[in-house]
Amino acid sequence: MTETTELIRINFAKDGGLVAGIVQDARTGQVLMLGFLNEESYRKTTETGYVTFWSRTRSKLWMKGETSGNRLRVITASTDCDNDALLFQVEVEGDGLVCHEGTVSCFTKPLTFAAARKGNQ
């Protein structure tokens, strides 16, 4: 993380102390996944250089890829205008299958909206 990043205070006061963490492949730009961070997981991410989330279901820290080997090494990180969401551009280590379903990205299920279908007729 850069010196500038450390000066920005992330707003953990909203949403029960959690902020969204969007993970994007630094090379391709593909959005890989979304997770949540609390202050502790954010601190761990800045210390290690690997994205660490807060597991809402298990109530514990979770370094993505810790067991699979598909760790997410932070290349760049930024926050949104409200400082309550994070974007991590990463290099995926391991075989590159980030999703627990065995795909590169967790975003693999297309949705269709009525308004979109109307516009295409």
PDB file of N, CA and C in Angstrom:
ATOM      1  N   MET A   1       0.850  -1.177   0.000  1.00  0.00           N
ATOM      2  CA  MET A   1       0.000   0.000   0.000  1.00  0.00           C
ATOM      3  C   MET A   1       0.894   1.238   0.000  1.00  0.00           C
ATOM      4  N   THR A   2       0.403   2.276  -0.584  1.00  0.00           N
ATOM      5  CA  THR A   2       1.196   3.483  -0.671  1.00  0.00           C
ATOM      6  C   THR A   2       0.981   4.354   0.559  1.00  0.00           C
ATOM      7  N   GLU A   3       1.863   5.324   0.731  1.00  0.00           N
ATOM      8  CA  GLU A   3       1.750   6.255   1.854  1.00  0.00           C
ATOM      9  C   GLU A   3       0.419   7.005   1.810  1.00  0.00           C
ATOM     10  N   THR A   4      -0.027   7.380   0.612  1.00  0.00           N
ATOM     11  CA  THR A   4      -1.293   8.090   0.450  1.00  0.00           C
ATOM     12  C   THR A   4      -2.451   7.240   0.949  1.00  0.00           C
ATOM     13  N   THR A   5      -2.453   5.932   0.634  1.00  0.00           N
ATOM     14  CA  THR A   5      -3.518   5.029   1.054  1.00  0.00           C
ATOM     15  C   THR A   5      -3.650   5.025   2.570  1.00  0.00           C
ATOM     16  N   GLU A   6      -2.552   5.032   3.279  1.00  0.00           N
ATOM     17  CA  GLU A   6      -2.582   4.953   4.729  1.00  0.00           C
ATOM     18  C   GLU A   6      -3.172   6.212   5.358  1.00  0.00           C
ATOM     19  N   LEU A   7      -3.172   7.331   4.657  1.00  0.00           N
ATOM     20  CA  LEU A   7      -3.711   8.566   5.188  1.00  0.00           C
ATOM     21  C   LEU A   7      -5.228   8.643   5.066  1.00  0.00           C
ATOM     22  N   ILE A   8      -5.798   7.829   4.200  1.00  0.00           N
ATOM     23  CA  ILE A   8      -7.247   7.817   4.008  1.00  0.00           C
ATOM     24  C   ILE A   8      -7.871   6.931   5.082  1.00  0.00           C
ATOM     25  N   ARG A   9      -8.855   7.480   5.761  1.00  0.00           N
ATOM     26  CA  ARG A   9      -9.533   6.729   6.815  1.00  0.00           C
ATOM     27  C   ARG A   9     -10.765   6.050   6.214  1.00  0.00           C
ATOM     28  N   ILE A  10     -10.800   4.722   6.260  1.00  0.00           N
ATOM     29  CA  ILE A  10     -11.931   3.967   5.740  1.00  0.00           C
ATOM     30  C   ILE A  10     -13.076   4.067   6.747  1.00  0.00           C
ATOM     31  N   ASN A  11     -14.295   4.273   6.251  1.00  0.00           N
ATOM     32  CA  ASN A  11     -15.472   4.472   7.097  1.00  0.00           C
ATOM     33  C   ASN A  11     -16.120   3.126   7.438  1.00  0.00           C
ATOM     34  N   PHE A  12     -15.715   2.569   8.568  1.00  0.00           N
ATOM     35  CA  PHE A  12     -16.274   1.300   9.028  1.00  0.00           C
ATOM     36  C   PHE A  12     -17.518   1.506   9.894  1.00  0.00           C
ATOM     37  N   ALA A  13     -17.948   2.755  10.075  1.00  0.00           N
ATOM     38  CA  ALA A  13     -19.076   3.053  10.957  1.00  0.00           C
ATOM     39  C   ALA A  13     -20.413   2.592  10.377  1.00  0.00           C
ATOM     40  N   LYS A  14     -20.505   2.505   9.066  1.00  0.00           N
ATOM     41  CA  LYS A  14     -21.747   2.078   8.412  1.00  0.00           C
ATOM     42  C   LYS A  14     -21.822   0.551   8.365  1.00  0.00           C
ATOM     43  N   ASP A  15     -23.000   0.045   8.164  1.00  0.00           N
ATOM     44  CA  ASP A  15     -23.213  -1.387   7.891  1.00  0.00           C
ATOM     45  C   ASP A  15     -22.557  -2.325   8.903  1.00  0.00           C
ATOM     46  N   GLY A  16     -22.701  -2.001  10.164  1.00  0.00           N
ATOM     47  CA  GLY A  16     -22.223  -2.897  11.211  1.00  0.00           C
ATOM     48  C   GLY A  16     -20.734  -3.100  11.256  1.00  0.00           C
ATOM     49  N   GLY A  17     -19.979  -2.102  10.821  1.00  0.00           N
ATOM     50  CA  GLY A  17     -18.522  -2.194  10.880  1.00  0.00           C
ATOM     51  C   GLY A  17     -17.886  -2.856   9.678  1.00  0.00           C
ATOM     52  N   LEU A  18     -18.649  -3.106   8.632  1.00  0.00           N
ATOM     53  CA  LEU A  18     -18.123  -3.770   7.442  1.00  0.00           C
ATOM     54  C   LEU A  18     -18.144  -2.839   6.238  1.00  0.00           C
ATOM     55  N   VAL A  19     -17.186  -3.037   5.349  1.00  0.00           N
ATOM     56  CA  VAL A  19     -17.184  -2.366   4.050  1.00  0.00           C
ATOM     57  C   VAL A  19     -17.063  -3.438   2.973  1.00  0.00           C
ATOM     58  N   ALA A  20     -17.643  -3.156   1.812  1.00  0.00           N
ATOM     59  CA  ALA A  20     -17.544  -4.075   0.683  1.00  0.00           C
ATOM     60  C   ALA A  20     -16.138  -4.012   0.104  1.00  0.00           C
ATOM     61  N   GLY A  21     -15.627  -5.160  -0.304  1.00  0.00           N
ATOM     62  CA  GLY A  21     -14.335  -5.248  -0.962  1.00  0.00           C
ATOM     63  C   GLY A  21     -14.494  -5.925  -2.314  1.00  0.00           C
ATOM     64  N   ILE A  22     -14.397  -5.149  -3.374  1.00  0.00           N
ATOM     65  CA  ILE A  22     -14.510  -5.669  -4.736  1.00  0.00           C
ATOM     66  C   ILE A  22     -13.122  -6.095  -5.184  1.00  0.00           C
ATOM     67  N   VAL A  23     -13.027  -7.286  -5.762  1.00  0.00           N
ATOM     68  CA  VAL A  23     -11.737  -7.800  -6.211  1.00  0.00           C
ATOM     69  C   VAL A  23     -11.759  -7.911  -7.731  1.00  0.00           C
ATOM     70  N   GLN A  24     -10.757  -7.300  -8.356  1.00  0.00           N
ATOM     71  CA  GLN A  24     -10.653  -7.233  -9.815  1.00  0.00           C
ATOM     72  C   GLN A  24      -9.272  -7.722 -10.237  1.00  0.00           C
ATOM     73  N   ASP A  25      -9.214  -8.489 -11.301  1.00  0.00           N
ATOM     74  CA  ASP A  25      -7.939  -8.942 -11.845  1.00  0.00           C
ATOM     75  C   ASP A  25      -7.195  -7.730 -12.411  1.00  0.00           C
ATOM     76  N   ALA A  26      -6.010  -7.464 -11.914  1.00  0.00           N
ATOM     77  CA  ALA A  26      -5.241  -6.282 -12.327  1.00  0.00           C
ATOM     78  C   ALA A  26      -4.841  -6.347 -13.800  1.00  0.00           C
ATOM     79  N   ARG A  27      -4.680  -7.547 -14.330  1.00  0.00           N
ATOM     80  CA  ARG A  27      -4.234  -7.702 -15.714  1.00  0.00           C
ATOM     81  C   ARG A  27      -5.394  -7.609 -16.701  1.00  0.00           C
ATOM     82  N   THR A  28      -6.516  -8.280 -16.407  1.00  0.00           N
ATOM     83  CA  THR A  28      -7.621  -8.351 -17.364  1.00  0.00           C
ATOM     84  C   THR A  28      -8.745  -7.361 -17.088  1.00  0.00           C
ATOM     85  N   GLY A  29      -8.841  -6.882 -15.850  1.00  0.00           N
ATOM     86  CA  GLY A  29      -9.935  -6.000 -15.467  1.00  0.00           C
ATOM     87  C   GLY A  29     -11.201  -6.739 -15.065  1.00  0.00           C
ATOM     88  N   GLN A  30     -11.211  -8.065 -15.154  1.00  0.00           N
ATOM     89  CA  GLN A  30     -12.393  -8.846 -14.809  1.00  0.00           C
ATOM     90  C   GLN A  30     -12.680  -8.760 -13.307  1.00  0.00           C
ATOM     91  N   VAL A  31     -13.944  -8.530 -12.956  1.00  0.00           N
ATOM     92  CA  VAL A  31     -14.346  -8.545 -11.555  1.00  0.00           C
ATOM     93  C   VAL A  31     -14.407  -9.998 -11.116  1.00  0.00           C
ATOM     94  N   LEU A  32     -13.688 -10.316 -10.049  1.00  0.00           N
ATOM     95  CA  LEU A  32     -13.573 -11.698  -9.611  1.00  0.00           C
ATOM     96  C   LEU A  32     -14.524 -12.059  -8.480  1.00  0.00           C
ATOM     97  N   MET A  33     -14.660 -11.160  -7.526  1.00  0.00           N
ATOM     98  CA  MET A  33     -15.506 -11.476  -6.379  1.00  0.00           C
ATOM     99  C   MET A  33     -15.792 -10.243  -5.546  1.00  0.00           C
ATOM    100  N   LEU A  34     -16.684 -10.417  -4.592  1.00  0.00           N
ATOM    101  CA  LEU A  34     -17.019  -9.391  -3.622  1.00  0.00           C
ATOM    102  C   LEU A  34     -16.977 -10.040  -2.250  1.00  0.00           C
ATOM    103  N   GLY A  35     -16.335  -9.382  -1.320  1.00  0.00           N
ATOM    104  CA  GLY A  35     -16.309  -9.847   0.064  1.00  0.00           C
ATOM    105  C   GLY A  35     -16.449  -8.644   0.975  1.00  0.00           C
ATOM    106  N   PHE A  36     -16.388  -8.879   2.272  1.00  0.00           N
ATOM    107  CA  PHE A  36     -16.541  -7.792   3.242  1.00  0.00           C
ATOM    108  C   PHE A  36     -15.343  -7.752   4.172  1.00  0.00           C
ATOM    109  N   LEU A  37     -14.966  -6.545   4.552  1.00  0.00           N
ATOM    110  CA  LEU A  37     -13.842  -6.347   5.455  1.00  0.00           C
ATOM    111  C   LEU A  37     -14.287  -5.547   6.658  1.00  0.00           C
ATOM    112  N   ASN A  38     -13.737  -5.902   7.807  1.00  0.00           N
ATOM    113  CA  ASN A  38     -13.877  -5.061   8.995  1.00  0.00           C
ATOM    114  C   ASN A  38     -12.515  -4.422   9.231  1.00  0.00           C
ATOM    115  N   GLU A  39     -12.384  -3.666  10.303  1.00  0.00           N
ATOM    116  CA  GLU A  39     -11.107  -2.979  10.543  1.00  0.00           C
ATOM    117  C   GLU A  39      -9.950  -3.959  10.681  1.00  0.00           C
ATOM    118  N   GLU A  40     -10.183  -5.078  11.338  1.00  0.00           N
ATOM    119  CA  GLU A  40      -9.114  -6.059  11.542  1.00  0.00           C
ATOM    120  C   GLU A  40      -8.675  -6.706  10.231  1.00  0.00           C
ATOM    121  N   SER A  41      -9.619  -7.087   9.390  1.00  0.00           N
ATOM    122  CA  SER A  41      -9.237  -7.720   8.121  1.00  0.00           C
ATOM    123  C   SER A  41      -8.578  -6.710   7.175  1.00  0.00           C
ATOM    124  N   TYR A  42      -9.015  -5.454   7.247  1.00  0.00           N
ATOM    125  CA  TYR A  42      -8.373  -4.415   6.450  1.00  0.00           C
ATOM    126  C   TYR A  42      -6.923  -4.220   6.897  1.00  0.00           C
ATOM    127  N   ARG A  43      -6.713  -4.172   8.196  1.00  0.00           N
ATOM    128  CA  ARG A  43      -5.359  -4.035   8.732  1.00  0.00           C
ATOM    129  C   ARG A  43      -4.494  -5.217   8.301  1.00  0.00           C
ATOM    130  N   LYS A  44      -5.041  -6.421   8.365  1.00  0.00           N
ATOM    131  CA  LYS A  44      -4.303  -7.621   7.961  1.00  0.00           C
ATOM    132  C   LYS A  44      -3.954  -7.558   6.470  1.00  0.00           C
ATOM    133  N   THR A  45      -4.886  -7.064   5.664  1.00  0.00           N
ATOM    134  CA  THR A  45      -4.637  -6.918   4.230  1.00  0.00           C
ATOM    135  C   THR A  45      -3.491  -5.945   3.983  1.00  0.00           C
ATOM    136  N   THR A  46      -3.504  -4.807   4.684  1.00  0.00           N
ATOM    137  CA  THR A  46      -2.436  -3.821   4.485  1.00  0.00           C
ATOM    138  C   THR A  46      -1.089  -4.340   4.976  1.00  0.00           C
ATOM    139  N   GLU A  47      -1.107  -5.161   6.019  1.00  0.00           N
ATOM    140  CA  GLU A  47       0.150  -5.699   6.568  1.00  0.00           C
ATOM    141  C   GLU A  47       0.753  -6.795   5.697  1.00  0.00           C
ATOM    142  N   THR A  48      -0.092  -7.682   5.151  1.00  0.00           N
ATOM    143  CA  THR A  48       0.404  -8.844   4.402  1.00  0.00           C
ATOM    144  C   THR A  48       0.501  -8.623   2.908  1.00  0.00           C
ATOM    145  N   GLY A  49      -0.326  -7.705   2.372  1.00  0.00           N
ATOM    146  CA  GLY A  49      -0.378  -7.516   0.928  1.00  0.00           C
ATOM    147  C   GLY A  49      -1.290  -8.515   0.234  1.00  0.00           C
ATOM    148  N   TYR A  50      -2.021  -9.321   1.003  1.00  0.00           N
ATOM    149  CA  TYR A  50      -2.973 -10.285   0.465  1.00  0.00           C
ATOM    150  C   TYR A  50      -4.354  -9.961   1.025  1.00  0.00           C
ATOM    151  N   VAL A  51      -5.390 -10.030   0.162  1.00  0.00           N
ATOM    152  CA  VAL A  51      -6.733  -9.668   0.597  1.00  0.00           C
ATOM    153  C   VAL A  51      -7.219 -10.639   1.665  1.00  0.00           C
ATOM    154  N   THR A  52      -7.614 -10.063   2.793  1.00  0.00           N
ATOM    155  CA  THR A  52      -8.188 -10.822   3.899  1.00  0.00           C
ATOM    156  C   THR A  52      -9.565 -10.240   4.181  1.00  0.00           C
ATOM    157  N   PHE A  53     -10.557 -11.105   4.206  1.00  0.00           N
ATOM    158  CA  PHE A  53     -11.933 -10.684   4.435  1.00  0.00           C
ATOM    159  C   PHE A  53     -12.366 -11.026   5.849  1.00  0.00           C
ATOM    160  N   TRP A  54     -13.549 -10.525   6.208  1.00  0.00           N
ATOM    161  CA  TRP A  54     -14.228 -10.941   7.420  1.00  0.00           C
ATOM    162  C   TRP A  54     -15.372 -11.844   6.970  1.00  0.00           C
ATOM    163  N   SER A  55     -15.361 -13.087   7.423  1.00  0.00           N
ATOM    164  CA  SER A  55     -16.430 -14.013   7.071  1.00  0.00           C
ATOM    165  C   SER A  55     -17.649 -13.717   7.927  1.00  0.00           C
ATOM    166  N   ARG A  56     -18.715 -13.297   7.284  1.00  0.00           N
ATOM    167  CA  ARG A  56     -19.945 -12.976   8.017  1.00  0.00           C
ATOM    168  C   ARG A  56     -20.612 -14.236   8.543  1.00  0.00           C
ATOM    169  N   THR A  57     -20.470 -15.352   7.852  1.00  0.00           N
ATOM    170  CA  THR A  57     -21.111 -16.585   8.294  1.00  0.00           C
ATOM    171  C   THR A  57     -20.333 -17.290   9.396  1.00  0.00           C
ATOM    172  N   ARG A  58     -19.016 -17.209   9.356  1.00  0.00           N
ATOM    173  CA  ARG A  58     -18.179 -17.874  10.363  1.00  0.00           C
ATOM    174  C   ARG A  58     -17.665 -16.929  11.437  1.00  0.00           C
ATOM    175  N   SER A  59     -17.903 -15.630  11.253  1.00  0.00           N
ATOM    176  CA  SER A  59     -17.443 -14.599  12.206  1.00  0.00           C
ATOM    177  C   SER A  59     -15.960 -14.731  12.530  1.00  0.00           C
ATOM    178  N   LYS A  60     -15.153 -14.774  11.456  1.00  0.00           N
ATOM    179  CA  LYS A  60     -13.702 -14.835  11.650  1.00  0.00           C
ATOM    180  C   LYS A  60     -12.991 -14.311  10.417  1.00  0.00           C
ATOM    181  N   LEU A  61     -11.706 -14.005  10.576  1.00  0.00           N
ATOM    182  CA  LEU A  61     -10.885 -13.565   9.449  1.00  0.00           C
ATOM    183  C   LEU A  61     -10.757 -14.700   8.448  1.00  0.00           C
ATOM    184  N   TRP A  62     -10.673 -14.310   7.170  1.00  0.00           N
ATOM    185  CA  TRP A  62     -10.598 -15.294   6.102  1.00  0.00           C
ATOM    186  C   TRP A  62      -9.715 -14.738   4.997  1.00  0.00           C
ATOM    187  N   MET A  63      -8.493 -15.276   4.883  1.00  0.00           N
ATOM    188  CA  MET A  63      -7.616 -14.876   3.780  1.00  0.00           C
ATOM    189  C   MET A  63      -7.988 -15.718   2.575  1.00  0.00           C
ATOM    190  N   LYS A  64      -8.515 -15.068   1.551  1.00  0.00           N
ATOM    191  CA  LYS A  64      -8.934 -15.780   0.346  1.00  0.00           C
ATOM    192  C   LYS A  64      -7.758 -16.554  -0.215  1.00  0.00           C
ATOM    193  N   GLY A  65      -7.966 -17.852  -0.465  1.00  0.00           N
ATOM    194  CA  GLY A  65      -6.935 -18.698  -1.049  1.00  0.00           C
ATOM    195  C   GLY A  65      -5.991 -19.323  -0.052  1.00  0.00           C
ATOM    196  N   GLU A  66      -6.231 -19.106   1.223  1.00  0.00           N
ATOM    197  CA  GLU A  66      -5.342 -19.640   2.254  1.00  0.00           C
ATOM    198  C   GLU A  66      -5.226 -21.170   2.160  1.00  0.00           C
ATOM    199  N   THR A  67      -6.340 -21.837   1.875  1.00  0.00           N
ATOM    200  CA  THR A  67      -6.289 -23.295   1.762  1.00  0.00           C
ATOM    201  C   THR A  67      -6.160 -23.771   0.319  1.00  0.00           C
ATOM    202  N   SER A  68      -6.758 -23.039  -0.634  1.00  0.00           N
ATOM    203  CA  SER A  68      -6.731 -23.464  -2.041  1.00  0.00           C
ATOM    204  C   SER A  68      -5.443 -23.074  -2.758  1.00  0.00           C
ATOM    205  N   GLY A  69      -4.738 -22.074  -2.225  1.00  0.00           N
ATOM    206  CA  GLY A  69      -3.539 -21.568  -2.894  1.00  0.00           C
ATOM    207  C   GLY A  69      -3.831 -20.428  -3.856  1.00  0.00           C
ATOM    208  N   ASN A  70      -5.098 -20.105  -4.060  1.00  0.00           N
ATOM    209  CA  ASN A  70      -5.480 -19.025  -4.975  1.00  0.00           C
ATOM    210  C   ASN A  70      -5.577 -17.700  -4.225  1.00  0.00           C
ATOM    211  N   ARG A  71      -4.457 -17.321  -3.624  1.00  0.00           N
ATOM    212  CA  ARG A  71      -4.425 -16.078  -2.850  1.00  0.00           C
ATOM    213  C   ARG A  71      -4.482 -14.871  -3.773  1.00  0.00           C
ATOM    214  N   LEU A  72      -4.957 -13.763  -3.211  1.00  0.00           N
ATOM    215  CA  LEU A  72      -5.150 -12.530  -3.959  1.00  0.00           C
ATOM    216  C   LEU A  72      -4.113 -11.500  -3.518  1.00  0.00           C
ATOM    217  N   ARG A  73      -3.038 -11.372  -4.302  1.00  0.00           N
ATOM    218  CA  ARG A  73      -1.972 -10.426  -3.969  1.00  0.00           C
ATOM    219  C   ARG A  73      -2.364  -9.049  -4.482  1.00  0.00           C
ATOM    220  N   VAL A  74      -2.417  -8.084  -3.580  1.00  0.00           N
ATOM    221  CA  VAL A  74      -2.854  -6.735  -3.921  1.00  0.00           C
ATOM    222  C   VAL A  74      -1.790  -6.036  -4.774  1.00  0.00           C
ATOM    223  N   ILE A  75      -2.226  -5.548  -5.937  1.00  0.00           N
ATOM    224  CA  ILE A  75      -1.377  -4.739  -6.804  1.00  0.00           C
ATOM    225  C   ILE A  75      -1.663  -3.268  -6.529  1.00  0.00           C
ATOM    226  N   THR A  76      -2.954  -2.898  -6.542  1.00  0.00           N
ATOM    227  CA  THR A  76      -3.372  -1.552  -6.159  1.00  0.00           C
ATOM    228  C   THR A  76      -4.667  -1.664  -5.367  1.00  0.00           C
ATOM    229  N   ALA A  77      -4.928  -0.640  -4.572  1.00  0.00           N
ATOM    230  CA  ALA A  77      -6.175  -0.576  -3.812  1.00  0.00           C
ATOM    231  C   ALA A  77      -6.666   0.861  -3.818  1.00  0.00           C
ATOM    232  N   SER A  78      -7.979   1.011  -3.851  1.00  0.00           N
ATOM    233  CA  SER A  78      -8.572   2.351  -3.794  1.00  0.00           C
ATOM    234  C   SER A  78      -9.903   2.258  -3.072  1.00  0.00           C
ATOM    235  N   THR A  79     -10.401   3.419  -2.683  1.00  0.00           N
ATOM    236  CA  THR A  79     -11.689   3.486  -2.026  1.00  0.00           C
ATOM    237  C   THR A  79     -12.623   4.362  -2.843  1.00  0.00           C
ATOM    238  N   ASP A  80     -13.901   4.241  -2.569  1.00  0.00           N
ATOM    239  CA  ASP A  80     -14.861   5.080  -3.279  1.00  0.00           C
ATOM    240  C   ASP A  80     -14.926   6.460  -2.642  1.00  0.00           C
ATOM    241  N   CYS A  81     -15.795   7.316  -3.170  1.00  0.00           N
ATOM    242  CA  CYS A  81     -15.874   8.705  -2.716  1.00  0.00           C
ATOM    243  C   CYS A  81     -16.330   8.847  -1.269  1.00  0.00           C
ATOM    244  N   ASP A  82     -17.054   7.854  -0.742  1.00  0.00           N
ATOM    245  CA  ASP A  82     -17.514   7.902   0.653  1.00  0.00           C
ATOM    246  C   ASP A  82     -16.588   7.157   1.611  1.00  0.00           C
ATOM    247  N   ASN A  83     -15.531   6.582   1.086  1.00  0.00           N
ATOM    248  CA  ASN A  83     -14.584   5.781   1.887  1.00  0.00           C
ATOM    249  C   ASN A  83     -15.261   4.611   2.599  1.00  0.00           C
ATOM    250  N   ASP A  84     -16.327   4.044   1.962  1.00  0.00           N
ATOM    251  CA  ASP A  84     -17.003   2.914   2.588  1.00  0.00           C
ATOM    252  C   ASP A  84     -17.109   1.691   1.673  1.00  0.00           C
ATOM    253  N   ALA A  85     -16.289   1.664   0.634  1.00  0.00           N
ATOM    254  CA  ALA A  85     -16.155   0.501  -0.240  1.00  0.00           C
ATOM    255  C   ALA A  85     -14.734   0.502  -0.786  1.00  0.00           C
ATOM    256  N   LEU A  86     -14.189  -0.684  -0.998  1.00  0.00           N
ATOM    257  CA  LEU A  86     -12.808  -0.824  -1.448  1.00  0.00           C
ATOM    258  C   LEU A  86     -12.758  -1.571  -2.774  1.00  0.00           C
ATOM    259  N   LEU A  87     -11.802  -1.202  -3.598  1.00  0.00           N
ATOM    260  CA  LEU A  87     -11.530  -1.909  -4.844  1.00  0.00           C
ATOM    261  C   LEU A  87     -10.087  -2.385  -4.796  1.00  0.00           C
ATOM    262  N   PHE A  88      -9.915  -3.696  -4.881  1.00  0.00           N
ATOM    263  CA  PHE A  88      -8.582  -4.283  -4.902  1.00  0.00           C
ATOM    264  C   PHE A  88      -8.303  -4.812  -6.302  1.00  0.00           C
ATOM    265  N   GLN A  89      -7.248  -4.324  -6.924  1.00  0.00           N
ATOM    266  CA  GLN A  89      -6.770  -4.918  -8.155  1.00  0.00           C
ATOM    267  C   GLN A  89      -5.676  -5.877  -7.730  1.00  0.00           C
ATOM    268  N   VAL A  90      -5.822  -7.136  -8.158  1.00  0.00           N
ATOM    269  CA  VAL A  90      -4.977  -8.193  -7.620  1.00  0.00           C
ATOM    270  C   VAL A  90      -4.324  -9.029  -8.712  1.00  0.00           C
ATOM    271  N   GLU A  91      -3.315  -9.747  -8.288  1.00  0.00           N
ATOM    272  CA  GLU A  91      -2.758 -10.841  -9.072  1.00  0.00           C
ATOM    273  C   GLU A  91      -3.159 -12.103  -8.329  1.00  0.00           C
ATOM    274  N   VAL A  92      -3.816 -13.013  -9.042  1.00  0.00           N
ATOM    275  CA  VAL A  92      -4.266 -14.256  -8.417  1.00  0.00           C
ATOM    276  C   VAL A  92      -3.137 -15.260  -8.466  1.00  0.00           C
ATOM    277  N   GLU A  93      -2.806 -15.814  -7.330  1.00  0.00           N
ATOM    278  CA  GLU A  93      -1.800 -16.874  -7.272  1.00  0.00           C
ATOM    279  C   GLU A  93      -2.499 -18.220  -7.436  1.00  0.00           C
ATOM    280  N   GLY A  94      -1.747 -19.266  -7.668  1.00  0.00           N
ATOM    281  CA  GLY A  94      -2.327 -20.601  -7.808  1.00  0.00           C
ATOM    282  C   GLY A  94      -2.873 -20.818  -9.205  1.00  0.00           C
ATOM    283  N   ASP A  95      -3.934 -21.627  -9.302  1.00  0.00           N
ATOM    284  CA  ASP A  95      -4.491 -21.954 -10.615  1.00  0.00           C
ATOM    285  C   ASP A  95      -5.451 -20.896 -11.143  1.00  0.00           C
ATOM    286  N   GLY A  96      -5.693 -19.844 -10.353  1.00  0.00           N
ATOM    287  CA  GLY A  96      -6.504 -18.725 -10.820  1.00  0.00           C
ATOM    288  C   GLY A  96      -7.999 -18.906 -10.680  1.00  0.00           C
ATOM    289  N   LEU A  97      -8.431 -20.000 -10.068  1.00  0.00           N
ATOM    290  CA  LEU A  97      -9.859 -20.247  -9.883  1.00  0.00           C
ATOM    291  C   LEU A  97     -10.275 -19.647  -8.551  1.00  0.00           C
ATOM    292  N   VAL A  98     -10.770 -18.429  -8.590  1.00  0.00           N
ATOM    293  CA  VAL A  98     -11.077 -17.671  -7.376  1.00  0.00           C
ATOM    294  C   VAL A  98     -12.344 -18.167  -6.688  1.00  0.00           C
ATOM    295  N   CYS A  99     -13.349 -18.513  -7.471  1.00  0.00           N
ATOM    296  CA  CYS A  99     -14.634 -18.902  -6.888  1.00  0.00           C
ATOM    297  C   CYS A  99     -14.582 -20.316  -6.301  1.00  0.00           C
ATOM    298  N   HIS A 100     -15.291 -20.510  -5.199  1.00  0.00           N
ATOM    299  CA  HIS A 100     -15.345 -21.832  -4.578  1.00  0.00           C
ATOM    300  C   HIS A 100     -16.073 -22.847  -5.464  1.00  0.00           C
ATOM    301  N   GLU A 101     -16.764 -22.370  -6.516  1.00  0.00           N
ATOM    302  CA  GLU A 101     -17.425 -23.273  -7.457  1.00  0.00           C
ATOM    303  C   GLU A 101     -16.488 -23.701  -8.591  1.00  0.00           C
ATOM    304  N   GLY A 102     -15.212 -23.295  -8.500  1.00  0.00           N
ATOM    305  CA  GLY A 102     -14.222 -23.732  -9.472  1.00  0.00           C
ATOM    306  C   GLY A 102     -14.140 -22.892 -10.731  1.00  0.00           C
ATOM    307  N   THR A 103     -14.570 -21.637 -10.651  1.00  0.00           N
ATOM    308  CA  THR A 103     -14.483 -20.735 -11.796  1.00  0.00           C
ATOM    309  C   THR A 103     -13.548 -19.574 -11.477  1.00  0.00           C
ATOM    310  N   VAL A 104     -13.102 -18.884 -12.525  1.00  0.00           N
ATOM    311  CA  VAL A 104     -12.191 -17.750 -12.354  1.00  0.00           C
ATOM    312  C   VAL A 104     -12.872 -16.627 -11.576  1.00  0.00           C
ATOM    313  N   SER A 105     -14.135 -16.363 -11.911  1.00  0.00           N
ATOM    314  CA  SER A 105     -14.882 -15.288 -11.274  1.00  0.00           C
ATOM    315  C   SER A 105     -16.114 -15.866 -10.579  1.00  0.00           C
ATOM    316  N   CYS A 106     -16.532 -15.221  -9.513  1.00  0.00           N
ATOM    317  CA  CYS A 106     -17.770 -15.613  -8.847  1.00  0.00           C
ATOM    318  C   CYS A 106     -18.990 -15.123  -9.621  1.00  0.00           C
ATOM    319  N   PHE A 107     -18.794 -14.198 -10.550  1.00  0.00           N
ATOM    320  CA  PHE A 107     -19.896 -13.603 -11.300  1.00  0.00           C
ATOM    321  C   PHE A 107     -20.088 -14.343 -12.620  1.00  0.00           C
ATOM    322  N   THR A 108     -20.811 -15.468 -12.565  1.00  0.00           N
ATOM    323  CA  THR A 108     -20.981 -16.321 -13.738  1.00  0.00           C
ATOM    324  C   THR A 108     -22.440 -16.584 -14.089  1.00  0.00           C
ATOM    325  N   LYS A 109     -23.373 -16.044 -13.330  1.00  0.00           N
ATOM    326  CA  LYS A 109     -24.786 -16.354 -13.532  1.00  0.00           C
ATOM    327  C   LYS A 109     -25.512 -15.140 -14.110  1.00  0.00           C
ATOM    328  N   PRO A 110     -25.719 -15.141 -15.441  1.00  0.00           N
ATOM    329  CA  PRO A 110     -26.359 -13.981 -16.079  1.00  0.00           C
ATOM    330  C   PRO A 110     -27.814 -13.819 -15.639  1.00  0.00           C
ATOM    331  N   LEU A 111     -28.216 -12.584 -15.491  1.00  0.00           N
ATOM    332  CA  LEU A 111     -29.594 -12.237 -15.154  1.00  0.00           C
ATOM    333  C   LEU A 111     -30.214 -11.505 -16.331  1.00  0.00           C
ATOM    334  N   THR A 112     -31.504 -11.700 -16.528  1.00  0.00           N
ATOM    335  CA  THR A 112     -32.220 -11.000 -17.583  1.00  0.00           C
ATOM    336  C   THR A 112     -33.302 -10.143 -16.939  1.00  0.00           C
ATOM    337  N   PHE A 113     -33.397  -8.903 -17.365  1.00  0.00           N
ATOM    338  CA  PHE A 113     -34.397  -7.982 -16.838  1.00  0.00           C
ATOM    339  C   PHE A 113     -35.405  -7.637 -17.917  1.00  0.00           C
ATOM    340  N   ALA A 114     -36.662  -7.510 -17.532  1.00  0.00           N
ATOM    341  CA  ALA A 114     -37.730  -7.201 -18.477  1.00  0.00           C
ATOM    342  C   ALA A 114     -37.431  -5.921 -19.245  1.00  0.00           C
ATOM    343  N   ALA A 115     -36.937  -4.905 -18.576  1.00  0.00           N
ATOM    344  CA  ALA A 115     -36.637  -3.623 -19.228  1.00  0.00           C
ATOM    345  C   ALA A 115     -35.557  -3.810 -20.305  1.00  0.00           C
ATOM    346  N   ALA A 116     -34.604  -4.662 -20.061  1.00  0.00           N
ATOM    347  CA  ALA A 116     -33.553  -4.908 -21.033  1.00  0.00           C
ATOM    348  C   ALA A 116     -34.108  -5.637 -22.245  1.00  0.00           C
ATOM    349  N   ARG A 117     -35.016  -6.582 -22.019  1.00  0.00           N
ATOM    350  CA  ARG A 117     -35.627  -7.320 -23.141  1.00  0.00           C
ATOM    351  C   ARG A 117     -36.487  -6.380 -23.990  1.00  0.00           C
ATOM    352  N   LYS A 118     -37.205  -5.471 -23.346  1.00  0.00           N
ATOM    353  CA  LYS A 118     -38.058  -4.516 -24.055  1.00  0.00           C
ATOM    354  C   LYS A 118     -37.234  -3.658 -25.008  1.00  0.00           C
ATOM    355  N   GLY A 119     -36.085  -3.193 -24.524  1.00  0.00           N
ATOM    356  CA  GLY A 119     -35.230  -2.325 -25.325  1.00  0.00           C
ATOM    357  C   GLY A 119     -34.638  -3.028 -26.532  1.00  0.00           C
ATOM    358  N   ASN A 120     -34.573  -4.342 -26.485  1.00  0.00           N
ATOM    359  CA  ASN A 120     -33.983  -5.101 -27.581  1.00  0.00           C
ATOM    360  C   ASN A 120     -35.009  -5.583 -28.593  1.00  0.00           C
ATOM    361  N   GLN A 121     -36.277  -5.236 -28.421  1.00  0.00           N
ATOM    362  CA  GLN A 121     -37.315  -5.709 -29.354  1.00  0.00           C
ATOM    363  C   GLN A 121     -37.529  -4.747 -30.469  1.00  0.00           C
TER     364      GLN A 121
END
